[in-house]
C-alpha atoms as a PDB file:
ATOM      1  CA  UNK A   1      84.144  75.949  20.922  1.00  0.00           C
ATOM      2  CA  UNK A   2      87.555  74.385  21.157  1.00  0.00           C
ATOM      3  CA  UNK A   3      89.446  71.624  22.915  1.00  0.00           C
ATOM      4  CA  UNK A   4      93.132  71.707  23.744  1.00  0.00           C
ATOM      5  CA  UNK A   5      94.925  68.444  24.424  1.00  0.00           C
ATOM      6  CA  UNK A   6      97.752  67.359  26.681  1.00  0.00           C
ATOM      7  CA  UNK A   7      98.640  64.363  28.873  1.00  0.00           C
ATOM      8  CA  UNK A   8      95.963  62.793  31.056  1.00  0.00           C
ATOM      9  CA  UNK A   9      95.689  64.583  34.420  1.00  0.00           C
ATOM     10  CA  UNK A  10      96.445  62.771  37.622  1.00  0.00           C
ATOM     11  CA  UNK A  11      94.689  62.743  40.969  1.00  0.00           C
ATOM     12  CA  UNK A  12      96.039  64.991  43.715  1.00  0.00           C
ATOM     13  CA  UNK A  13      95.175  66.153  47.207  1.00  0.00           C
ATOM     14  CA  UNK A  14      94.113  69.796  47.568  1.00  0.00           C
ATOM     15  CA  UNK A  15      97.069  72.162  47.283  1.00  0.00           C
ATOM     16  CA  UNK A  16      97.745  75.795  48.109  1.00  0.00           C
ATOM     17  CA  UNK A  17      94.938  77.918  46.585  1.00  0.00           C
ATOM     18  CA  UNK A  18      96.878  81.183  46.941  1.00  0.00           C
ATOM     19  CA  UNK A  19      99.743  79.810  44.864  1.00  0.00           C
ATOM     20  CA  UNK A  20      97.301  78.620  42.206  1.00  0.00           C
ATOM     21  CA  UNK A  21      95.474  81.966  42.104  1.00  0.00           C
ATOM     22  CA  UNK A  22      98.748  83.877  41.849  1.00  0.00           C
ATOM     23  CA  UNK A  23      99.725  81.782  38.813  1.00  0.00           C
ATOM     24  CA  UNK A  24      96.237  82.170  37.328  1.00  0.00           C
ATOM     25  CA  UNK A  25      96.275  85.967  37.473  1.00  0.00           C
ATOM     26  CA  UNK A  26      99.447  86.060  35.360  1.00  0.00           C
ATOM     27  CA  UNK A  27      97.771  84.257  32.442  1.00  0.00           C
ATOM     28  CA  UNK A  28      97.298  86.222  29.218  1.00  0.00           C
ATOM     29  CA  UNK A  29      96.506  83.532  26.616  1.00  0.00           C
ATOM     30  CA  UNK A  30      94.047  80.672  26.370  1.00  0.00           C
ATOM     31  CA  UNK A  31      96.694  77.904  25.980  1.00  0.00           C
ATOM     32  CA  UNK A  32      98.227  79.150  29.237  1.00  0.00           C
ATOM     33  CA  UNK A  33      94.812  78.937  30.927  1.00  0.00           C
ATOM     34  CA  UNK A  34      94.581  75.351  29.704  1.00  0.00           C
ATOM     35  CA  UNK A  35      98.036  74.547  31.060  1.00  0.00           C
ATOM     36  CA  UNK A  36      97.086  76.090  34.399  1.00  0.00           C
ATOM     37  CA  UNK A  37      93.854  74.069  34.485  1.00  0.00           C
ATOM     38  CA  UNK A  38      95.815  70.868  33.903  1.00  0.00           C
ATOM     39  CA  UNK A  39      98.517  71.838  36.420  1.00  0.00           C
ATOM     40  CA  UNK A  40      97.802  74.040  39.433  1.00  0.00           C
ATOM     41  CA  UNK A  41      94.037  73.550  39.189  1.00  0.00           C
ATOM     42  CA  UNK A  42      94.398  69.776  39.042  1.00  0.00           C
ATOM     43  CA  UNK A  43      96.236  69.909  42.364  1.00  0.00           C
ATOM     44  CA  UNK A  44      93.399  71.902  43.911  1.00  0.00           C
ATOM     45  CA  UNK A  45      90.520  70.145  42.197  1.00  0.00           C
ATOM     46  CA  UNK A  46      91.188  66.911  40.272  1.00  0.00           C
ATOM     47  CA  UNK A  47      89.053  66.512  37.160  1.00  0.00           C
ATOM     48  CA  UNK A  48      89.063  64.821  33.767  1.00  0.00           C
ATOM     49  CA  UNK A  49      87.280  67.592  31.861  1.00  0.00           C
ATOM     50  CA  UNK A  50      86.372  71.231  32.510  1.00  0.00           C
ATOM     51  CA  UNK A  51      83.479  72.917  30.704  1.00  0.00           C
ATOM     52  CA  UNK A  52      83.083  76.704  30.999  1.00  0.00           C
ATOM     53  CA  UNK A  53      79.851  78.462  30.004  1.00  0.00           C
ATOM     54  CA  UNK A  54      79.860  82.253  29.723  1.00  0.00           C
ATOM     55  CA  UNK A  55      76.600  84.185  29.532  1.00  0.00           C
ATOM     56  CA  UNK A  56      75.591  87.271  27.557  1.00  0.00           C
ATOM     57  CA  UNK A  57      73.445  90.181  28.656  1.00  0.00           C
ATOM     58  CA  UNK A  58      70.337  88.390  27.435  1.00  0.00           C
ATOM     59  CA  UNK A  59      70.906  85.609  29.969  1.00  0.00           C
ATOM     60  CA  UNK A  60      71.661  82.977  27.327  1.00  0.00           C
ATOM     61  CA  UNK A  61      74.900  81.018  27.133  1.00  0.00           C
ATOM     62  CA  UNK A  62      77.117  83.022  24.771  1.00  0.00           C
ATOM     63  CA  UNK A  63      79.997  80.571  24.452  1.00  0.00           C
ATOM     64  CA  UNK A  64      81.086  77.176  25.739  1.00  0.00           C
ATOM     65  CA  UNK A  65      84.766  76.345  26.247  1.00  0.00           C
ATOM     66  CA  UNK A  66      86.023  72.796  26.755  1.00  0.00           C
ATOM     67  CA  UNK A  67      89.341  72.157  28.536  1.00  0.00           C
ATOM     68  CA  UNK A  68      90.295  68.486  28.600  1.00  0.00           C
ATOM     69  CA  UNK A  69      93.238  66.196  27.938  1.00  0.00           C
ATOM     70  CA  UNK A  70      91.310  64.799  24.953  1.00  0.00           C
ATOM     71  CA  UNK A  71      88.200  65.993  23.038  1.00  0.00           C
ATOM     72  CA  UNK A  72      85.432  64.237  24.962  1.00  0.00           C
ATOM     73  CA  UNK A  73      82.636  66.218  23.325  1.00  0.00           C
ATOM     74  CA  UNK A  74      81.940  67.231  19.747  1.00  0.00           C
ATOM     75  CA  UNK A  75      80.377  70.631  19.078  1.00  0.00           C
ATOM     76  CA  UNK A  76      76.946  69.031  18.599  1.00  0.00           C
ATOM     77  CA  UNK A  77      77.140  67.230  21.939  1.00  0.00           C
ATOM     78  CA  UNK A  78      78.312  70.380  23.712  1.00  0.00           C
ATOM     79  CA  UNK A  79      75.206  72.128  22.392  1.00  0.00           C
ATOM     80  CA  UNK A  80      72.990  69.298  23.609  1.00  0.00           C
ATOM     81  CA  UNK A  81      74.584  69.051  27.034  1.00  0.00           C
ATOM     82  CA  UNK A  82      75.421  72.620  27.948  1.00  0.00           C
ATOM     83  CA  UNK A  83      73.357  75.005  25.834  1.00  0.00           C
ATOM     84  CA  UNK A  84      70.054  73.173  25.696  1.00  0.00           C
ATOM     85  CA  UNK A  85      67.359  73.664  28.307  1.00  0.00           C
ATOM     86  CA  UNK A  86      66.820  69.898  28.227  1.00  0.00           C
ATOM     87  CA  UNK A  87      70.409  68.720  28.741  1.00  0.00           C
ATOM     88  CA  UNK A  88      72.481  67.496  31.661  1.00  0.00           C
ATOM     89  CA  UNK A  89      73.595  71.033  32.328  1.00  0.00           C
ATOM     90  CA  UNK A  90      70.028  72.190  33.034  1.00  0.00           C
ATOM     91  CA  UNK A  91      69.821  69.860  36.057  1.00  0.00           C
ATOM     92  CA  UNK A  92      73.291  70.832  37.254  1.00  0.00           C
ATOM     93  CA  UNK A  93      72.525  74.537  36.946  1.00  0.00           C
ATOM     94  CA  UNK A  94      69.220  74.226  38.811  1.00  0.00           C
ATOM     95  CA  UNK A  95      70.923  72.352  41.657  1.00  0.00           C
ATOM     96  CA  UNK A  96      73.700  74.936  41.936  1.00  0.00           C
ATOM     97  CA  UNK A  97      71.272  77.866  41.892  1.00  0.00           C
ATOM     98  CA  UNK A  98      69.270  76.250  44.684  1.00  0.00           C
ATOM     99  CA  UNK A  99      72.301  75.439  46.839  1.00  0.00           C
ATOM    100  CA  UNK A 100      74.091  78.779  46.225  1.00  0.00           C
ATOM    101  CA  UNK A 101      77.431  77.006  46.706  1.00  0.00           C
ATOM    102  CA  UNK A 102      79.577  74.465  44.820  1.00  0.00           C
ATOM    103  CA  UNK A 103      77.720  71.176  44.410  1.00  0.00           C
ATOM    104  CA  UNK A 104      78.516  67.698  43.151  1.00  0.00           C
ATOM    105  CA  UNK A 105      76.050  65.300  41.546  1.00  0.00           C
ATOM    106  CA  UNK A 106      76.270  61.687  40.453  1.00  0.00           C
ATOM    107  CA  UNK A 107      75.635  61.609  36.712  1.00  0.00           C
ATOM    108  CA  UNK A 108      73.648  58.395  37.186  1.00  0.00           C
ATOM    109  CA  UNK A 109      70.988  60.542  38.884  1.00  0.00           C
ATOM    110  CA  UNK A 110      70.714  62.841  35.857  1.00  0.00           C
ATOM    111  CA  UNK A 111      71.146  60.876  32.636  1.00  0.00           C
ATOM    112  CA  UNK A 112      67.985  58.714  33.035  1.00  0.00           C
ATOM    113  CA  UNK A 113      65.904  61.906  32.877  1.00  0.00           C
ATOM    114  CA  UNK A 114      67.298  63.062  29.529  1.00  0.00           C
ATOM    115  CA  UNK A 115      65.087  63.074  26.464  1.00  0.00           C
ATOM    116  CA  UNK A 116      65.438  60.301  23.918  1.00  0.00           C
ATOM    117  CA  UNK A 117      67.064  62.747  21.491  1.00  0.00           C
ATOM    118  CA  UNK A 118      70.004  63.013  23.888  1.00  0.00           C
ATOM    119  CA  UNK A 119      71.249  59.485  23.195  1.00  0.00           C
ATOM    120  CA  UNK A 120      74.558  60.695  21.738  1.00  0.00           C
ATOM    121  CA  UNK A 121      75.008  63.125  24.617  1.00  0.00           C
ATOM    122  CA  UNK A 122      74.412  60.382  27.187  1.00  0.00           C
ATOM    123  CA  UNK A 123      76.917  58.100  25.443  1.00  0.00           C
ATOM    124  CA  UNK A 124      79.552  60.838  25.632  1.00  0.00           C
ATOM    125  CA  UNK A 125      79.234  60.917  29.424  1.00  0.00           C
ATOM    126  CA  UNK A 126      80.165  57.283  29.990  1.00  0.00           C
ATOM    127  CA  UNK A 127      83.742  58.253  30.900  1.00  0.00           C
ATOM    128  CA  UNK A 128      82.459  60.211  33.899  1.00  0.00           C
ATOM    129  CA  UNK A 129      80.636  59.349  37.113  1.00  0.00           C
ATOM    130  CA  UNK A 130      80.269  62.743  38.825  1.00  0.00           C
ATOM    131  CA  UNK A 131      79.950  66.405  37.939  1.00  0.00           C
ATOM    132  CA  UNK A 132      80.809  69.349  40.191  1.00  0.00           C
ATOM    133  CA  UNK A 133      79.576  72.848  39.394  1.00  0.00           C
ATOM    134  CA  UNK A 134      80.166  76.390  40.595  1.00  0.00           C
ATOM    135  CA  UNK A 135      79.879  79.778  38.954  1.00  0.00           C
ATOM    136  CA  UNK A 136      79.706  83.538  39.296  1.00  0.00           C
ATOM    137  CA  UNK A 137      76.477  85.517  39.672  1.00  0.00           C
ATOM    138  CA  UNK A 138      75.735  89.038  38.503  1.00  0.00           C
ATOM    139  CA  UNK A 139      74.066  91.803  40.508  1.00  0.00           C
ATOM    140  CA  UNK A 140      70.664  90.453  39.477  1.00  0.00           C
ATOM    141  CA  UNK A 141      71.458  87.024  40.895  1.00  0.00           C
ATOM    142  CA  UNK A 142      71.652  85.325  37.514  1.00  0.00           C
ATOM    143  CA  UNK A 143      74.703  83.363  36.429  1.00  0.00           C
ATOM    144  CA  UNK A 144      77.311  85.196  34.347  1.00  0.00           C
ATOM    145  CA  UNK A 145      79.559  82.133  34.145  1.00  0.00           C
ATOM    146  CA  UNK A 146      79.420  78.503  35.206  1.00  0.00           C
ATOM    147  CA  UNK A 147      82.245  75.980  35.451  1.00  0.00           C
ATOM    148  CA  UNK A 148      81.490  72.241  35.296  1.00  0.00           C
ATOM    149  CA  UNK A 149      84.147  69.770  36.461  1.00  0.00           C
ATOM    150  CA  UNK A 150      83.611  66.204  35.204  1.00  0.00           C
ATOM    151  CA  UNK A 151      85.224  63.316  37.064  1.00  0.00           C
ATOM    152  CA  UNK A 152      85.638  59.613  36.499  1.00  0.00           C
ATOM    153  CA  UNK A 153      88.203  57.994  38.768  1.00  0.00           C
ATOM    154  CA  UNK A 154      89.307  61.205  40.494  1.00  0.00           C
ATOM    155  CA  UNK A 155      88.145  61.554  44.092  1.00  0.00           C
ATOM    156  CA  UNK A 156      86.522  64.849  45.078  1.00  0.00           C
ATOM    157  CA  UNK A 157      85.375  65.589  48.628  1.00  0.00           C
ATOM    158  CA  UNK A 158      83.848  68.512  50.540  1.00  0.00           C
ATOM    159  CA  UNK A 159      87.268  70.108  51.024  1.00  0.00           C
ATOM    160  CA  UNK A 160      87.782  70.242  47.264  1.00  0.00           C
ATOM    161  CA  UNK A 161      84.343  71.789  46.754  1.00  0.00           C
ATOM    162  CA  UNK A 162      85.045  74.554  49.272  1.00  0.00           C
ATOM    163  CA  UNK A 163      88.157  75.518  47.309  1.00  0.00           C
ATOM    164  CA  UNK A 164      85.986  76.230  44.264  1.00  0.00           C
ATOM    165  CA  UNK A 165      84.334  79.116  46.124  1.00  0.00           C
ATOM    166  CA  UNK A 166      87.734  80.780  46.354  1.00  0.00           C
ATOM    167  CA  UNK A 167      89.136  79.952  42.931  1.00  0.00           C
ATOM    168  CA  UNK A 168      86.193  80.094  40.493  1.00  0.00           C
ATOM    169  CA  UNK A 169      85.639  83.886  40.678  1.00  0.00           C
ATOM    170  CA  UNK A 170      89.266  84.394  39.635  1.00  0.00           C
ATOM    171  CA  UNK A 171      88.871  81.802  36.867  1.00  0.00           C
ATOM    172  CA  UNK A 172      85.897  83.749  35.560  1.00  0.00           C
ATOM    173  CA  UNK A 173      87.762  87.061  35.461  1.00  0.00           C
ATOM    174  CA  UNK A 174      90.840  85.646  33.767  1.00  0.00           C
ATOM    175  CA  UNK A 175      88.977  83.545  31.197  1.00  0.00           C
ATOM    176  CA  UNK A 176      86.743  86.456  30.155  1.00  0.00           C
ATOM    177  CA  UNK A 177      89.775  88.712  29.773  1.00  0.00           C
ATOM    178  CA  UNK A 178      91.727  86.104  27.789  1.00  0.00           C
ATOM    179  CA  UNK A 179      88.862  85.309  25.426  1.00  0.00           C
ATOM    180  CA  UNK A 180      88.142  88.979  24.820  1.00  0.00           C
ATOM    181  CA  UNK A 181      91.797  89.622  24.065  1.00  0.00           C
ATOM    182  CA  UNK A 182      91.863  86.702  21.601  1.00  0.00           C
ATOM    183  CA  UNK A 183      88.489  87.657  20.088  1.00  0.00           C
ATOM    184  CA  UNK A 184      87.027  84.254  20.981  1.00  0.00           C
ATOM    185  CA  UNK A 185      84.319  85.522  23.307  1.00  0.00           C
ATOM    186  CA  UNK A 186      81.102  86.170  21.445  1.00  0.00           C
ATOM    187  CA  UNK A 187      80.011  89.803  21.664  1.00  0.00           C
ATOM    188  CA  UNK A 188      77.611  90.560  24.507  1.00  0.00           C
ATOM    189  CA  UNK A 189      75.824  93.094  22.344  1.00  0.00           C
ATOM    190  CA  UNK A 190      76.592  93.272  18.652  1.00  0.00           C
ATOM    191  CA  UNK A 191      75.950  96.115  16.271  1.00  0.00           C
ATOM    192  CA  UNK A 192      73.782  93.661  14.308  1.00  0.00           C
ATOM    193  CA  UNK A 193      71.532  92.858  17.313  1.00  0.00           C
ATOM    194  CA  UNK A 194      72.070  89.140  16.786  1.00  0.00           C
ATOM    195  CA  UNK A 195      70.463  87.194  19.629  1.00  0.00           C
ATOM    196  CA  UNK A 196      72.104  84.295  21.460  1.00  0.00           C
ATOM    197  CA  UNK A 197      69.787  81.813  19.734  1.00  0.00           C
ATOM    198  CA  UNK A 198      70.601  83.303  16.323  1.00  0.00           C
ATOM    199  CA  UNK A 199      74.305  82.905  17.126  1.00  0.00           C
ATOM    200  CA  UNK A 200      73.617  79.245  17.936  1.00  0.00           C
ATOM    201  CA  UNK A 201      71.966  78.822  14.545  1.00  0.00           C
ATOM    202  CA  UNK A 202      74.821  80.641  12.782  1.00  0.00           C
ATOM    203  CA  UNK A 203      77.416  78.467  14.492  1.00  0.00           C
ATOM    204  CA  UNK A 204      75.643  75.318  13.360  1.00  0.00           C
ATOM    205  CA  UNK A 205      75.229  76.679   9.818  1.00  0.00           C
ATOM    206  CA  UNK A 206      78.984  77.195   9.768  1.00  0.00           C
ATOM    207  CA  UNK A 207      79.367  73.530  10.805  1.00  0.00           C
ATOM    208  CA  UNK A 208      77.381  72.537   7.712  1.00  0.00           C
ATOM    209  CA  UNK A 209      74.181  71.532   9.488  1.00  0.00           C
ATOM    210  CA  UNK A 210      70.872  71.465   7.644  1.00  0.00           C
ATOM    211  CA  UNK A 211      67.744  73.157   8.985  1.00  0.00           C
ATOM    212  CA  UNK A 212      66.442  69.794  10.157  1.00  0.00           C
ATOM    213  CA  UNK A 213      69.689  69.002  11.977  1.00  0.00           C
ATOM    214  CA  UNK A 214      69.756  72.451  13.603  1.00  0.00           C
ATOM    215  CA  UNK A 215      66.176  71.975  14.758  1.00  0.00           C
ATOM    216  CA  UNK A 216      67.043  68.640  16.360  1.00  0.00           C
ATOM    217  CA  UNK A 217      70.197  69.915  18.085  1.00  0.00           C
ATOM    218  CA  UNK A 218      68.559  73.064  19.477  1.00  0.00           C
ATOM    219  CA  UNK A 219      65.162  71.449  20.192  1.00  0.00           C
ATOM    220  CA  UNK A 220      63.364  73.817  17.831  1.00  0.00           C
ATOM    221  CA  UNK A 221      60.805  73.240  15.105  1.00  0.00           C
ATOM    222  CA  UNK A 222      62.052  73.444  11.486  1.00  0.00           C
ATOM    223  CA  UNK A 223      59.717  76.424  11.032  1.00  0.00           C
ATOM    224  CA  UNK A 224      61.372  78.270  13.932  1.00  0.00           C
ATOM    225  CA  UNK A 225      64.833  77.556  12.513  1.00  0.00           C
ATOM    226  CA  UNK A 226      63.712  78.887   9.134  1.00  0.00           C
ATOM    227  CA  UNK A 227      62.494  82.092  10.805  1.00  0.00           C
ATOM    228  CA  UNK A 228      65.769  82.494  12.701  1.00  0.00           C
ATOM    229  CA  UNK A 229      67.709  82.216   9.433  1.00  0.00           C
ATOM    230  CA  UNK A 230      65.394  84.730   7.781  1.00  0.00           C
ATOM    231  CA  UNK A 231      66.039  87.208  10.605  1.00  0.00           C
ATOM    232  CA  UNK A 232      69.784  86.536  10.431  1.00  0.00           C
ATOM    233  CA  UNK A 233      69.875  87.298   6.700  1.00  0.00           C
ATOM    234  CA  UNK A 234      67.998  90.558   7.278  1.00  0.00           C
ATOM    235  CA  UNK A 235      70.203  91.691  10.194  1.00  0.00           C
ATOM    236  CA  UNK A 236      73.444  90.856   8.392  1.00  0.00           C
ATOM    237  CA  UNK A 237      72.201  92.159   5.031  1.00  0.00           C
ATOM    238  CA  UNK A 238      72.951  88.853   3.313  1.00  0.00           C
ATOM    239  CA  UNK A 239      71.045  86.544   1.005  1.00  0.00           C
ATOM    240  CA  UNK A 240      72.715  83.165   1.522  1.00  0.00           C
ATOM    241  CA  UNK A 241      73.999  80.923   4.301  1.00  0.00           C
ATOM    242  CA  UNK A 242      77.614  81.251   3.145  1.00  0.00           C
ATOM    243  CA  UNK A 243      77.382  85.059   3.077  1.00  0.00           C
ATOM    244  CA  UNK A 244      75.851  85.100   6.565  1.00  0.00           C
ATOM    245  CA  UNK A 245      78.642  82.928   7.937  1.00  0.00           C
ATOM    246  CA  UNK A 246      81.303  85.079   6.253  1.00  0.00           C
ATOM    247  CA  UNK A 247      79.874  88.286   7.745  1.00  0.00           C
ATOM    248  CA  UNK A 248      79.456  86.669  11.155  1.00  0.00           C
ATOM    249  CA  UNK A 249      83.075  85.479  11.161  1.00  0.00           C
ATOM    250  CA  UNK A 250      84.356  88.852   9.999  1.00  0.00           C
ATOM    251  CA  UNK A 251      82.630  90.609  12.901  1.00  0.00           C
ATOM    252  CA  UNK A 252      83.396  87.975  15.548  1.00  0.00           C
ATOM    253  CA  UNK A 253      79.764  86.940  15.977  1.00  0.00           C
ATOM    254  CA  UNK A 254      80.604  83.227  15.952  1.00  0.00           C
ATOM    255  CA  UNK A 255      83.631  81.105  16.803  1.00  0.00           C
ATOM    256  CA  UNK A 256      86.204  80.892  14.033  1.00  0.00           C
ATOM    257  CA  UNK A 257      87.336  77.370  14.913  1.00  0.00           C
END
């Protein structure tokens, strides 16, 4: 999970979506996607931060990408907010699935319902007042990607939301292609049969987290975390945490940055 930085985005009225899509389809690298998100996309849909969640074949979030003018969220908070079943994202996703169209929610309606363990995650949202969400569904109706636009002072109305229906499918296609080309998209099915939850554990091991910390971040029991690590060692044919991380990095199973 990474954050690229640039100048703070401004607030604009909706622009020409065809021009923005044309520029989007020419993108071949992630920094260019970021520049597009802070340029043409800002004109169409003003936002302070963009969070993109891409899903694997098992239906779990395979990777989270953060595009913002400054790093609002640490890796731990991103896990809590956007990969946990108990986070802010769970409420946003449920609302979007029910509406079947782009939706916007006031964060004040969501944060009071978070668990006590989410205190750090709630604090990280103080810069924002609203969240808009739209995504792409697969043939089975489940989400294959979801894009969350976080706003503070920027004004977003129904016209802006309608533009997301046109633009988000193209954002999905380009971002998946770019991340695959740069080997930053976690494999949808690895030769090691590592599950999405095991990748979560591996990523946190790489960040230096203890079993207890991993359990708290992922809302698992320490015993479950220990079992996940045991399975990881067996699948990767390793005997230590450092070896497991090295093998996972070598085969692109976890993010390298």
